[in-house]
């Protein structure tokens, strides 16, 4: 089984390197790889969803917990802190943008009334 451990000591796989990294791990069906970025985790999940990697042959490891994916690349029991920084940022951008837009609309309505 390919095990990808998400940890601070892991390899920082970048946007520019993840395809090569993914090809590398395919050659080691019993390999244990450490990564410190979310990109390879998402790439592996996509490879599973596409059928390039079998879901039974892949797992993630985070703080001693084994995390499995289903055949669609989904993680059903996502632990807090596991590769969720991108999701947090995306959600926070949307929340902040919506709040800002509401404030701007409210200010525009106040100016229209005067």
N, C-alpha and C. Protein backbone atom coordinates (compact mmCIF):
# COMPACT_ATOMS: atom_id res chain seq x y z
N UNK A 1 0.84 -1.18 0.00
CA UNK A 1 0.00 0.00 0.00
C UNK A 1 0.89 1.25 0.00
N UNK A 2 0.50 2.21 -0.81
CA UNK A 2 1.18 3.50 -0.83
C UNK A 2 0.64 4.30 0.35
N UNK A 3 1.55 4.74 1.21
CA UNK A 3 1.18 5.55 2.36
C UNK A 3 1.78 6.93 2.20
N UNK A 4 0.93 7.95 2.29
CA UNK A 4 1.39 9.32 2.20
C UNK A 4 1.14 9.95 3.56
N UNK A 5 2.24 10.29 4.23
CA UNK A 5 2.15 10.90 5.56
C UNK A 5 2.24 12.41 5.43
N UNK A 6 1.27 13.09 5.99
CA UNK A 6 1.22 14.55 5.99
C UNK A 6 1.84 15.03 7.30
N UNK A 7 3.02 15.65 7.18
CA UNK A 7 3.74 16.09 8.38
C UNK A 7 4.67 17.26 8.05
N UNK A 8 5.06 17.98 9.07
CA UNK A 8 5.92 19.16 8.89
C UNK A 8 7.28 18.79 8.30
N UNK A 9 7.75 17.58 8.56
CA UNK A 9 9.06 17.14 8.08
C UNK A 9 9.03 16.62 6.65
N UNK A 10 7.84 16.58 6.06
CA UNK A 10 7.68 16.00 4.73
C UNK A 10 8.25 16.84 3.61
N UNK A 11 8.28 16.22 2.45
CA UNK A 11 8.75 16.90 1.23
C UNK A 11 7.74 17.97 0.82
N UNK A 12 8.20 19.19 0.56
CA UNK A 12 7.29 20.25 0.13
C UNK A 12 7.05 20.21 -1.38
N UNK A 13 6.16 19.33 -1.81
CA UNK A 13 5.88 19.17 -3.24
C UNK A 13 5.11 20.39 -3.73
N UNK A 14 5.63 21.03 -4.78
CA UNK A 14 5.02 22.27 -5.26
C UNK A 14 4.04 22.03 -6.40
N UNK A 15 3.35 23.10 -6.77
CA UNK A 15 2.44 23.07 -7.92
C UNK A 15 3.18 22.62 -9.19
N UNK A 16 4.45 22.96 -9.26
CA UNK A 16 5.24 22.72 -10.46
C UNK A 16 5.82 21.32 -10.51
N UNK A 17 5.81 20.61 -9.38
CA UNK A 17 6.45 19.30 -9.29
C UNK A 17 5.50 18.14 -9.05
N UNK A 18 4.24 18.41 -8.75
CA UNK A 18 3.37 17.33 -8.28
C UNK A 18 3.15 16.22 -9.31
N UNK A 19 3.14 16.55 -10.58
CA UNK A 19 2.93 15.49 -11.60
C UNK A 19 4.09 14.50 -11.59
N UNK A 20 5.32 15.02 -11.53
CA UNK A 20 6.48 14.14 -11.46
C UNK A 20 6.47 13.34 -10.16
N UNK A 21 6.10 13.98 -9.07
CA UNK A 21 6.02 13.29 -7.78
C UNK A 21 5.01 12.15 -7.84
N UNK A 22 3.86 12.41 -8.45
CA UNK A 22 2.82 11.39 -8.57
C UNK A 22 3.31 10.21 -9.40
N UNK A 23 4.00 10.49 -10.49
CA UNK A 23 4.57 9.41 -11.31
C UNK A 23 5.58 8.60 -10.51
N UNK A 24 6.37 9.26 -9.69
CA UNK A 24 7.38 8.59 -8.87
C UNK A 24 6.73 7.61 -7.89
N UNK A 25 5.69 8.05 -7.19
CA UNK A 25 5.11 7.17 -6.17
C UNK A 25 4.40 5.96 -6.77
N UNK A 26 3.94 6.09 -8.01
CA UNK A 26 3.28 4.94 -8.68
C UNK A 26 4.23 3.76 -8.81
N UNK A 27 5.53 4.03 -8.85
CA UNK A 27 6.53 2.97 -9.00
C UNK A 27 6.85 2.26 -7.69
N UNK A 28 6.28 2.71 -6.60
CA UNK A 28 6.56 2.13 -5.29
C UNK A 28 5.24 1.78 -4.60
N UNK A 29 4.62 0.66 -4.99
CA UNK A 29 3.31 0.31 -4.45
C UNK A 29 3.31 0.05 -2.94
N UNK A 30 4.47 -0.15 -2.35
CA UNK A 30 4.56 -0.33 -0.90
C UNK A 30 5.35 0.81 -0.25
N UNK A 31 5.40 1.94 -0.92
CA UNK A 31 6.20 3.06 -0.44
C UNK A 31 5.52 3.88 0.64
N UNK A 32 6.36 4.51 1.44
CA UNK A 32 5.91 5.45 2.48
C UNK A 32 6.54 6.79 2.15
N UNK A 33 5.69 7.78 1.88
CA UNK A 33 6.16 9.09 1.47
C UNK A 33 5.66 10.14 2.46
N UNK A 34 6.53 11.06 2.81
CA UNK A 34 6.15 12.15 3.70
C UNK A 34 6.06 13.43 2.89
N UNK A 35 4.96 14.16 3.08
CA UNK A 35 4.76 15.44 2.39
C UNK A 35 4.32 16.49 3.40
N UNK A 36 4.67 17.74 3.09
CA UNK A 36 4.29 18.83 3.99
C UNK A 36 3.36 19.84 3.31
N UNK A 37 2.93 19.53 2.09
CA UNK A 37 2.00 20.40 1.38
C UNK A 37 0.76 19.60 1.00
N UNK A 38 -0.31 20.32 0.71
CA UNK A 38 -1.58 19.65 0.40
C UNK A 38 -1.68 19.20 -1.05
N UNK A 39 -0.86 19.76 -1.91
CA UNK A 39 -0.94 19.48 -3.34
C UNK A 39 -0.83 17.99 -3.66
N UNK A 40 0.17 17.27 -3.12
CA UNK A 40 0.24 15.84 -3.45
C UNK A 40 -0.93 15.04 -2.91
N UNK A 41 -1.49 15.47 -1.81
CA UNK A 41 -2.65 14.77 -1.25
C UNK A 41 -3.83 14.90 -2.20
N UNK A 42 -4.08 16.11 -2.69
CA UNK A 42 -5.17 16.31 -3.63
C UNK A 42 -4.90 15.59 -4.95
N UNK A 43 -3.64 15.57 -5.38
CA UNK A 43 -3.28 14.88 -6.62
C UNK A 43 -3.53 13.38 -6.51
N UNK A 44 -3.21 12.80 -5.37
CA UNK A 44 -3.46 11.37 -5.15
C UNK A 44 -4.96 11.10 -5.13
N UNK A 45 -5.71 11.94 -4.46
CA UNK A 45 -7.17 11.76 -4.43
C UNK A 45 -7.75 11.82 -5.84
N UNK A 46 -7.26 12.75 -6.65
CA UNK A 46 -7.74 12.85 -8.04
C UNK A 46 -7.34 11.62 -8.84
N UNK A 47 -6.12 11.12 -8.62
CA UNK A 47 -5.67 9.91 -9.32
C UNK A 47 -6.55 8.71 -8.95
N UNK A 48 -6.97 8.64 -7.70
CA UNK A 48 -7.88 7.57 -7.28
C UNK A 48 -9.23 7.75 -7.96
N UNK A 49 -9.76 8.96 -7.96
CA UNK A 49 -11.06 9.22 -8.59
C UNK A 49 -11.04 8.88 -10.08
N UNK A 50 -9.90 9.14 -10.72
CA UNK A 50 -9.77 8.84 -12.15
C UNK A 50 -9.48 7.37 -12.42
N UNK A 51 -9.23 6.59 -11.38
CA UNK A 51 -8.94 5.18 -11.55
C UNK A 51 -7.48 4.90 -11.88
N UNK A 52 -6.63 5.90 -11.76
CA UNK A 52 -5.20 5.73 -12.04
C UNK A 52 -4.52 4.98 -10.90
N UNK A 53 -4.96 5.24 -9.68
CA UNK A 53 -4.49 4.51 -8.49
C UNK A 53 -5.70 3.84 -7.85
N UNK A 54 -5.54 2.59 -7.39
CA UNK A 54 -6.66 1.92 -6.72
C UNK A 54 -6.84 2.46 -5.31
N UNK A 55 -8.08 2.71 -4.92
CA UNK A 55 -8.31 3.26 -3.59
C UNK A 55 -7.88 2.32 -2.47
N UNK A 56 -7.92 1.01 -2.75
CA UNK A 56 -7.49 0.05 -1.74
C UNK A 56 -5.97 0.05 -1.56
N UNK A 57 -5.25 0.63 -2.51
CA UNK A 57 -3.79 0.62 -2.47
C UNK A 57 -3.18 1.93 -2.00
N UNK A 58 -4.02 2.83 -1.46
CA UNK A 58 -3.55 4.15 -1.04
C UNK A 58 -4.14 4.49 0.32
N UNK A 59 -3.33 5.07 1.18
CA UNK A 59 -3.85 5.65 2.42
C UNK A 59 -2.99 6.84 2.80
N UNK A 60 -3.55 7.67 3.65
CA UNK A 60 -2.84 8.82 4.18
C UNK A 60 -2.62 8.57 5.66
N UNK A 61 -1.62 9.23 6.19
CA UNK A 61 -1.31 9.12 7.61
C UNK A 61 -1.15 10.52 8.16
N UNK A 62 -1.83 10.79 9.27
CA UNK A 62 -1.75 12.11 9.89
C UNK A 62 -1.84 11.94 11.40
N UNK A 63 -0.80 12.38 12.08
CA UNK A 63 -0.72 12.30 13.53
C UNK A 63 -1.05 10.89 14.03
N UNK A 64 -0.52 9.89 13.35
CA UNK A 64 -0.70 8.50 13.75
C UNK A 64 -2.00 7.88 13.30
N UNK A 65 -2.88 8.64 12.68
CA UNK A 65 -4.18 8.12 12.24
C UNK A 65 -4.13 7.78 10.75
N UNK A 66 -4.59 6.58 10.41
CA UNK A 66 -4.68 6.16 9.02
C UNK A 66 -5.97 6.71 8.43
N UNK A 67 -5.84 7.34 7.26
CA UNK A 67 -6.98 7.96 6.59
C UNK A 67 -7.14 7.30 5.24
N UNK A 68 -8.29 6.72 5.00
CA UNK A 68 -8.53 6.03 3.74
C UNK A 68 -9.40 6.88 2.82
N UNK A 69 -9.31 6.57 1.52
CA UNK A 69 -10.15 7.23 0.52
C UNK A 69 -11.04 6.18 -0.12
N UNK A 70 -12.19 6.62 -0.58
CA UNK A 70 -13.05 5.68 -1.30
C UNK A 70 -12.70 5.71 -2.79
N UNK A 71 -13.43 4.97 -3.58
CA UNK A 71 -13.12 4.86 -5.01
C UNK A 71 -13.28 6.17 -5.77
N UNK A 72 -13.94 7.14 -5.15
CA UNK A 72 -14.12 8.45 -5.78
C UNK A 72 -13.11 9.48 -5.29
N UNK A 73 -12.16 9.03 -4.48
CA UNK A 73 -11.14 9.93 -3.95
C UNK A 73 -11.60 10.72 -2.75
N UNK A 74 -12.77 10.42 -2.24
CA UNK A 74 -13.31 11.15 -1.09
C UNK A 74 -12.79 10.58 0.22
N UNK A 75 -12.58 11.46 1.17
CA UNK A 75 -12.21 11.08 2.52
C UNK A 75 -13.46 11.29 3.37
N UNK A 76 -13.99 10.20 3.91
CA UNK A 76 -15.26 10.29 4.61
C UNK A 76 -15.10 10.75 6.05
N UNK A 77 -13.95 10.51 6.65
CA UNK A 77 -13.72 10.89 8.05
C UNK A 77 -12.50 11.81 8.09
N UNK A 78 -12.69 13.06 7.66
CA UNK A 78 -11.60 14.01 7.51
C UNK A 78 -11.23 14.58 8.88
N UNK A 79 -10.02 14.29 9.36
CA UNK A 79 -9.64 14.84 10.67
C UNK A 79 -9.26 16.32 10.59
N UNK A 80 -9.61 17.09 11.59
CA UNK A 80 -9.22 18.50 11.60
C UNK A 80 -7.70 18.65 11.53
N UNK A 81 -7.25 19.60 10.72
CA UNK A 81 -5.82 19.85 10.58
C UNK A 81 -5.17 19.08 9.45
N UNK A 82 -5.87 18.10 8.90
CA UNK A 82 -5.30 17.30 7.82
C UNK A 82 -5.53 18.00 6.48
N UNK A 83 -4.48 18.57 5.93
CA UNK A 83 -4.51 19.15 4.58
C UNK A 83 -5.74 20.02 4.35
N UNK A 84 -6.08 20.83 5.35
CA UNK A 84 -7.29 21.63 5.21
C UNK A 84 -7.04 23.14 5.13
N UNK A 85 -5.79 23.53 5.01
CA UNK A 85 -5.45 24.95 4.94
C UNK A 85 -6.05 25.61 3.69
N UNK A 86 -5.97 24.94 2.55
CA UNK A 86 -6.53 25.51 1.32
C UNK A 86 -8.04 25.70 1.43
N UNK A 87 -8.70 24.72 2.01
CA UNK A 87 -10.15 24.81 2.20
C UNK A 87 -10.48 25.95 3.16
N UNK A 88 -9.73 26.06 4.24
CA UNK A 88 -9.95 27.15 5.19
C UNK A 88 -9.80 28.50 4.49
N UNK A 89 -8.72 28.65 3.72
CA UNK A 89 -8.50 29.92 3.03
C UNK A 89 -9.63 30.22 2.04
N UNK A 90 -10.05 29.23 1.28
CA UNK A 90 -11.13 29.44 0.31
C UNK A 90 -12.42 29.87 1.02
N UNK A 91 -12.75 29.18 2.11
CA UNK A 91 -13.96 29.53 2.86
C UNK A 91 -13.85 30.93 3.45
N UNK A 92 -12.68 31.25 4.00
CA UNK A 92 -12.50 32.57 4.63
C UNK A 92 -12.55 33.69 3.59
N UNK A 93 -11.99 33.45 2.41
CA UNK A 93 -12.07 34.45 1.32
C UNK A 93 -13.53 34.71 0.96
N UNK A 94 -14.31 33.64 0.81
CA UNK A 94 -15.74 33.81 0.48
C UNK A 94 -16.50 34.53 1.57
N UNK A 95 -16.28 34.14 2.84
CA UNK A 95 -16.97 34.80 3.96
C UNK A 95 -16.60 36.29 4.03
N UNK A 96 -15.32 36.58 3.90
CA UNK A 96 -14.85 37.96 3.96
C UNK A 96 -15.39 38.78 2.80
N UNK A 97 -15.38 38.21 1.61
CA UNK A 97 -15.89 38.92 0.44
C UNK A 97 -17.39 39.20 0.58
N UNK A 98 -18.14 38.22 1.08
CA UNK A 98 -19.58 38.42 1.27
C UNK A 98 -19.85 39.51 2.31
N UNK A 99 -19.12 39.50 3.41
CA UNK A 99 -19.31 40.51 4.44
C UNK A 99 -18.95 41.89 3.91
N UNK A 100 -17.88 41.97 3.16
CA UNK A 100 -17.47 43.26 2.59
C UNK A 100 -18.52 43.77 1.61
N UNK A 101 -19.02 42.88 0.78
CA UNK A 101 -20.04 43.26 -0.20
C UNK A 101 -21.31 43.77 0.50
N UNK A 102 -21.71 43.08 1.59
CA UNK A 102 -22.89 43.53 2.36
C UNK A 102 -22.66 44.93 2.93
N UNK A 103 -21.47 45.17 3.48
CA UNK A 103 -21.16 46.50 4.02
C UNK A 103 -21.20 47.56 2.93
N UNK A 104 -20.61 47.25 1.77
CA UNK A 104 -20.59 48.21 0.66
C UNK A 104 -22.01 48.51 0.18
N UNK A 105 -22.85 47.49 0.08
CA UNK A 105 -24.24 47.71 -0.34
C UNK A 105 -25.00 48.55 0.67
N UNK A 106 -24.78 48.25 1.97
CA UNK A 106 -25.46 49.01 3.02
C UNK A 106 -25.02 50.48 2.98
N UNK A 107 -23.74 50.71 2.78
CA UNK A 107 -23.25 52.10 2.69
C UNK A 107 -23.81 52.80 1.46
N UNK A 108 -23.92 52.11 0.36
CA UNK A 108 -24.46 52.69 -0.87
C UNK A 108 -25.93 53.06 -0.67
N UNK A 109 -26.68 52.21 0.03
CA UNK A 109 -28.08 52.51 0.28
C UNK A 109 -28.24 53.71 1.19
N UNK A 110 -27.36 53.87 2.17
CA UNK A 110 -27.40 55.03 3.06
C UNK A 110 -27.15 56.30 2.27
N UNK A 111 -26.21 56.25 1.34
CA UNK A 111 -25.89 57.43 0.53
C UNK A 111 -27.02 57.75 -0.44
N UNK A 112 -27.75 56.74 -0.90
CA UNK A 112 -28.88 56.97 -1.82
C UNK A 112 -30.03 57.67 -1.10
N UNK A 113 -30.24 57.34 0.16
CA UNK A 113 -31.34 57.90 0.94
C UNK A 113 -31.10 59.39 1.22
N UNK A 114 -29.87 59.78 1.39
CA UNK A 114 -29.55 61.18 1.72
C UNK A 114 -29.75 62.03 0.56
